[in-house]
């Protein structure tokens, strides 16, 4: 790969990362969700709509410490997006789940990502899709080892 190709790839990756965050922020943090951040939206996504999750599980999914997550969860509880309850089996364990307001935010976030993926896939044939998926998997692998 030439220096020009490396520079182009670097520029594209940096611009893409910044543009995705900017577009996501503008699309999601509006209306009734103006009071939360995009990071809060990602915490809501990590909590999800299935069974309640403990703090350690959500912190692991977010790649943050439990202490860092606690601060964010406190704010989301105050704003009415997350509920926190003690486990019936082990009172030391705190379980997180989404309130109705949190479920609305989760659904808005999921719809945004679905539209983004559909738009990307729209013009790609099967082989192009495989190449893109493989390239993104390699890129993700690089970031996982950092």
C-alpha atoms as a PDB file:
ATOM      1  CA  UNK A   1       0.000   0.000   0.000  1.00  0.00           C
ATOM      2  CA  UNK A   2       1.377   3.385  -0.954  1.00  0.00           C
ATOM      3  CA  UNK A   3       1.655   6.344   1.401  1.00  0.00           C
ATOM      4  CA  UNK A   4      -1.159   8.072  -0.521  1.00  0.00           C
ATOM      5  CA  UNK A   5      -3.440   5.044  -0.019  1.00  0.00           C
ATOM      6  CA  UNK A   6      -2.588   4.927   3.686  1.00  0.00           C
ATOM      7  CA  UNK A   7      -3.341   8.646   4.028  1.00  0.00           C
ATOM      8  CA  UNK A   8      -6.628   8.222   2.154  1.00  0.00           C
ATOM      9  CA  UNK A   9      -7.654   5.270   4.327  1.00  0.00           C
ATOM     10  CA  UNK A  10      -6.724   7.151   7.498  1.00  0.00           C
ATOM     11  CA  UNK A  11      -8.705  10.203   6.393  1.00  0.00           C
ATOM     12  CA  UNK A  12     -11.730   8.070   5.483  1.00  0.00           C
ATOM     13  CA  UNK A  13     -11.703   6.183   8.792  1.00  0.00           C
ATOM     14  CA  UNK A  14     -11.369   9.355  10.876  1.00  0.00           C
ATOM     15  CA  UNK A  15     -14.074  11.170   8.897  1.00  0.00           C
ATOM     16  CA  UNK A  16     -16.407   8.152   9.006  1.00  0.00           C
ATOM     17  CA  UNK A  17     -16.018   7.738  12.767  1.00  0.00           C
ATOM     18  CA  UNK A  18     -16.668  11.429  13.412  1.00  0.00           C
ATOM     19  CA  UNK A  19     -19.559  11.620  10.942  1.00  0.00           C
ATOM     20  CA  UNK A  20     -21.318   8.571  12.404  1.00  0.00           C
ATOM     21  CA  UNK A  21     -21.117  10.059  15.912  1.00  0.00           C
ATOM     22  CA  UNK A  22     -22.329  13.442  14.648  1.00  0.00           C
ATOM     23  CA  UNK A  23     -25.234  12.011  12.629  1.00  0.00           C
ATOM     24  CA  UNK A  24     -26.209   9.679  15.476  1.00  0.00           C
ATOM     25  CA  UNK A  25     -26.152  12.598  17.932  1.00  0.00           C
ATOM     26  CA  UNK A  26     -28.330  14.775  15.665  1.00  0.00           C
ATOM     27  CA  UNK A  27     -30.769  11.955  14.875  1.00  0.00           C
ATOM     28  CA  UNK A  28     -31.229  10.584  18.381  1.00  0.00           C
ATOM     29  CA  UNK A  29     -30.635  13.306  20.929  1.00  0.00           C
ATOM     30  CA  UNK A  30     -33.752  15.307  20.029  1.00  0.00           C
ATOM     31  CA  UNK A  31     -37.231  15.943  21.388  1.00  0.00           C
ATOM     32  CA  UNK A  32     -37.890  14.060  24.610  1.00  0.00           C
ATOM     33  CA  UNK A  33     -34.373  12.574  24.499  1.00  0.00           C
ATOM     34  CA  UNK A  34     -32.534  15.933  24.569  1.00  0.00           C
ATOM     35  CA  UNK A  35     -31.701  15.426  28.242  1.00  0.00           C
ATOM     36  CA  UNK A  36     -29.388  12.453  27.612  1.00  0.00           C
ATOM     37  CA  UNK A  37     -26.109  12.040  25.764  1.00  0.00           C
ATOM     38  CA  UNK A  38     -25.183   9.635  22.990  1.00  0.00           C
ATOM     39  CA  UNK A  39     -23.153   7.744  25.606  1.00  0.00           C
ATOM     40  CA  UNK A  40     -26.336   7.416  27.674  1.00  0.00           C
ATOM     41  CA  UNK A  41     -28.108   6.079  24.582  1.00  0.00           C
ATOM     42  CA  UNK A  42     -25.378   3.443  24.193  1.00  0.00           C
ATOM     43  CA  UNK A  43     -25.790   2.442  27.852  1.00  0.00           C
ATOM     44  CA  UNK A  44     -29.528   2.079  27.252  1.00  0.00           C
ATOM     45  CA  UNK A  45     -28.695  -0.107  24.249  1.00  0.00           C
ATOM     46  CA  UNK A  46     -26.326  -2.240  26.337  1.00  0.00           C
ATOM     47  CA  UNK A  47     -28.997  -2.787  29.005  1.00  0.00           C
ATOM     48  CA  UNK A  48     -31.342  -3.855  26.233  1.00  0.00           C
ATOM     49  CA  UNK A  49     -34.852  -5.214  26.307  1.00  0.00           C
ATOM     50  CA  UNK A  50     -34.261  -8.767  27.506  1.00  0.00           C
ATOM     51  CA  UNK A  51     -33.782  -9.945  31.052  1.00  0.00           C
ATOM     52  CA  UNK A  52     -32.407  -7.418  33.561  1.00  0.00           C
ATOM     53  CA  UNK A  53     -28.609  -7.243  33.564  1.00  0.00           C
ATOM     54  CA  UNK A  54     -26.215  -6.728  36.420  1.00  0.00           C
ATOM     55  CA  UNK A  55     -23.841  -3.780  36.558  1.00  0.00           C
ATOM     56  CA  UNK A  56     -20.757  -5.872  35.732  1.00  0.00           C
ATOM     57  CA  UNK A  57     -22.329  -7.254  32.559  1.00  0.00           C
ATOM     58  CA  UNK A  58     -23.307  -3.815  31.271  1.00  0.00           C
ATOM     59  CA  UNK A  59     -19.918  -2.345  32.250  1.00  0.00           C
ATOM     60  CA  UNK A  60     -18.204  -5.163  30.336  1.00  0.00           C
ATOM     61  CA  UNK A  61     -20.318  -4.523  27.237  1.00  0.00           C
ATOM     62  CA  UNK A  62     -19.479  -0.818  27.452  1.00  0.00           C
ATOM     63  CA  UNK A  63     -15.783  -1.484  28.198  1.00  0.00           C
ATOM     64  CA  UNK A  64     -15.896   0.774  31.274  1.00  0.00           C
ATOM     65  CA  UNK A  65     -15.445   0.181  34.981  1.00  0.00           C
ATOM     66  CA  UNK A  66     -18.432  -0.468  37.230  1.00  0.00           C
ATOM     67  CA  UNK A  67     -17.600   2.807  39.002  1.00  0.00           C
ATOM     68  CA  UNK A  68     -17.797   4.778  35.770  1.00  0.00           C
ATOM     69  CA  UNK A  69     -21.046   3.054  34.834  1.00  0.00           C
ATOM     70  CA  UNK A  70     -22.541   3.769  38.273  1.00  0.00           C
ATOM     71  CA  UNK A  71     -22.294   7.520  37.716  1.00  0.00           C
ATOM     72  CA  UNK A  72     -24.057   7.275  34.351  1.00  0.00           C
ATOM     73  CA  UNK A  73     -26.712   4.888  35.706  1.00  0.00           C
ATOM     74  CA  UNK A  74     -27.455   7.256  38.593  1.00  0.00           C
ATOM     75  CA  UNK A  75     -28.249   9.988  36.050  1.00  0.00           C
ATOM     76  CA  UNK A  76     -30.353   7.656  33.879  1.00  0.00           C
ATOM     77  CA  UNK A  77     -32.335   6.528  36.937  1.00  0.00           C
ATOM     78  CA  UNK A  78     -32.954  10.182  37.948  1.00  0.00           C
ATOM     79  CA  UNK A  79     -34.139  10.992  34.416  1.00  0.00           C
ATOM     80  CA  UNK A  80     -36.469   8.005  34.345  1.00  0.00           C
ATOM     81  CA  UNK A  81     -34.790   5.805  31.700  1.00  0.00           C
ATOM     82  CA  UNK A  82     -33.458   2.976  33.869  1.00  0.00           C
ATOM     83  CA  UNK A  83     -34.706   1.135  36.924  1.00  0.00           C
ATOM     84  CA  UNK A  84     -32.389  -0.440  39.426  1.00  0.00           C
ATOM     85  CA  UNK A  85     -33.507  -3.362  41.623  1.00  0.00           C
ATOM     86  CA  UNK A  86     -31.765  -5.819  43.928  1.00  0.00           C
ATOM     87  CA  UNK A  87     -31.643  -9.434  42.806  1.00  0.00           C
ATOM     88  CA  UNK A  88     -34.067 -11.697  44.684  1.00  0.00           C
ATOM     89  CA  UNK A  89     -31.408 -14.435  44.715  1.00  0.00           C
ATOM     90  CA  UNK A  90     -28.503 -12.278  45.889  1.00  0.00           C
ATOM     91  CA  UNK A  91     -29.234  -8.917  47.518  1.00  0.00           C
ATOM     92  CA  UNK A  92     -25.684  -7.729  46.753  1.00  0.00           C
ATOM     93  CA  UNK A  93     -26.409  -7.803  43.012  1.00  0.00           C
ATOM     94  CA  UNK A  94     -28.021  -4.768  41.380  1.00  0.00           C
ATOM     95  CA  UNK A  95     -30.057  -5.497  38.249  1.00  0.00           C
ATOM     96  CA  UNK A  96     -30.719  -2.899  35.573  1.00  0.00           C
ATOM     97  CA  UNK A  97     -33.699  -2.736  33.264  1.00  0.00           C
ATOM     98  CA  UNK A  98     -35.300  -0.091  31.081  1.00  0.00           C
ATOM     99  CA  UNK A  99     -38.387   1.871  32.043  1.00  0.00           C
ATOM    100  CA  UNK A 100     -41.028   2.709  29.409  1.00  0.00           C
ATOM    101  CA  UNK A 101     -39.081   5.894  28.652  1.00  0.00           C
ATOM    102  CA  UNK A 102     -35.885   3.841  28.338  1.00  0.00           C
ATOM    103  CA  UNK A 103     -37.643   1.397  25.998  1.00  0.00           C
ATOM    104  CA  UNK A 104     -38.685   4.311  23.768  1.00  0.00           C
ATOM    105  CA  UNK A 105     -35.081   5.510  23.610  1.00  0.00           C
ATOM    106  CA  UNK A 106     -33.885   1.952  22.904  1.00  0.00           C
ATOM    107  CA  UNK A 107     -36.355   1.596  20.028  1.00  0.00           C
ATOM    108  CA  UNK A 108     -35.342   4.946  18.509  1.00  0.00           C
ATOM    109  CA  UNK A 109     -31.668   3.922  18.682  1.00  0.00           C
ATOM    110  CA  UNK A 110     -32.367   0.486  17.154  1.00  0.00           C
ATOM    111  CA  UNK A 111     -34.363   2.067  14.308  1.00  0.00           C
ATOM    112  CA  UNK A 112     -31.497   4.469  13.575  1.00  0.00           C
ATOM    113  CA  UNK A 113     -29.011   1.598  13.311  1.00  0.00           C
ATOM    114  CA  UNK A 114     -31.387  -0.490  11.193  1.00  0.00           C
ATOM    115  CA  UNK A 115     -31.782   2.389   8.729  1.00  0.00           C
ATOM    116  CA  UNK A 116     -28.018   2.971   8.661  1.00  0.00           C
ATOM    117  CA  UNK A 117     -27.308  -0.706   7.875  1.00  0.00           C
ATOM    118  CA  UNK A 118     -30.082  -0.909   5.277  1.00  0.00           C
ATOM    119  CA  UNK A 119     -28.770   2.203   3.544  1.00  0.00           C
ATOM    120  CA  UNK A 120     -25.212   0.826   3.408  1.00  0.00           C
ATOM    121  CA  UNK A 121     -26.405  -2.544   2.089  1.00  0.00           C
ATOM    122  CA  UNK A 122     -28.727  -0.992  -0.507  1.00  0.00           C
ATOM    123  CA  UNK A 123     -26.206  -0.652  -3.325  1.00  0.00           C
ATOM    124  CA  UNK A 124     -23.991  -3.662  -2.567  1.00  0.00           C
ATOM    125  CA  UNK A 125     -24.095  -7.054  -4.223  1.00  0.00           C
ATOM    126  CA  UNK A 126     -23.311 -10.240  -2.286  1.00  0.00           C
ATOM    127  CA  UNK A 127     -19.572 -10.208  -2.984  1.00  0.00           C
ATOM    128  CA  UNK A 128     -19.200  -6.528  -2.069  1.00  0.00           C
ATOM    129  CA  UNK A 129     -21.113  -7.193   1.145  1.00  0.00           C
ATOM    130  CA  UNK A 130     -18.735 -10.039   2.032  1.00  0.00           C
ATOM    131  CA  UNK A 131     -15.670  -7.876   1.337  1.00  0.00           C
ATOM    132  CA  UNK A 132     -17.056  -5.006   3.428  1.00  0.00           C
ATOM    133  CA  UNK A 133     -17.983  -7.330   6.307  1.00  0.00           C
ATOM    134  CA  UNK A 134     -14.533  -8.969   6.234  1.00  0.00           C
ATOM    135  CA  UNK A 135     -12.769  -5.571   6.210  1.00  0.00           C
ATOM    136  CA  UNK A 136     -14.886  -4.329   9.113  1.00  0.00           C
ATOM    137  CA  UNK A 137     -14.215  -7.517  11.094  1.00  0.00           C
ATOM    138  CA  UNK A 138     -10.466  -6.987  10.628  1.00  0.00           C
ATOM    139  CA  UNK A 139     -10.797  -3.368  11.714  1.00  0.00           C
ATOM    140  CA  UNK A 140     -12.787  -4.404  14.791  1.00  0.00           C
ATOM    141  CA  UNK A 141     -10.134  -7.001  15.605  1.00  0.00           C
ATOM    142  CA  UNK A 142      -7.490  -4.278  15.571  1.00  0.00           C
ATOM    143  CA  UNK A 143      -9.469  -2.127  18.011  1.00  0.00           C
ATOM    144  CA  UNK A 144     -10.194  -5.057  20.341  1.00  0.00           C
ATOM    145  CA  UNK A 145      -6.484  -5.642  20.984  1.00  0.00           C
ATOM    146  CA  UNK A 146      -5.782  -2.002  21.875  1.00  0.00           C
END
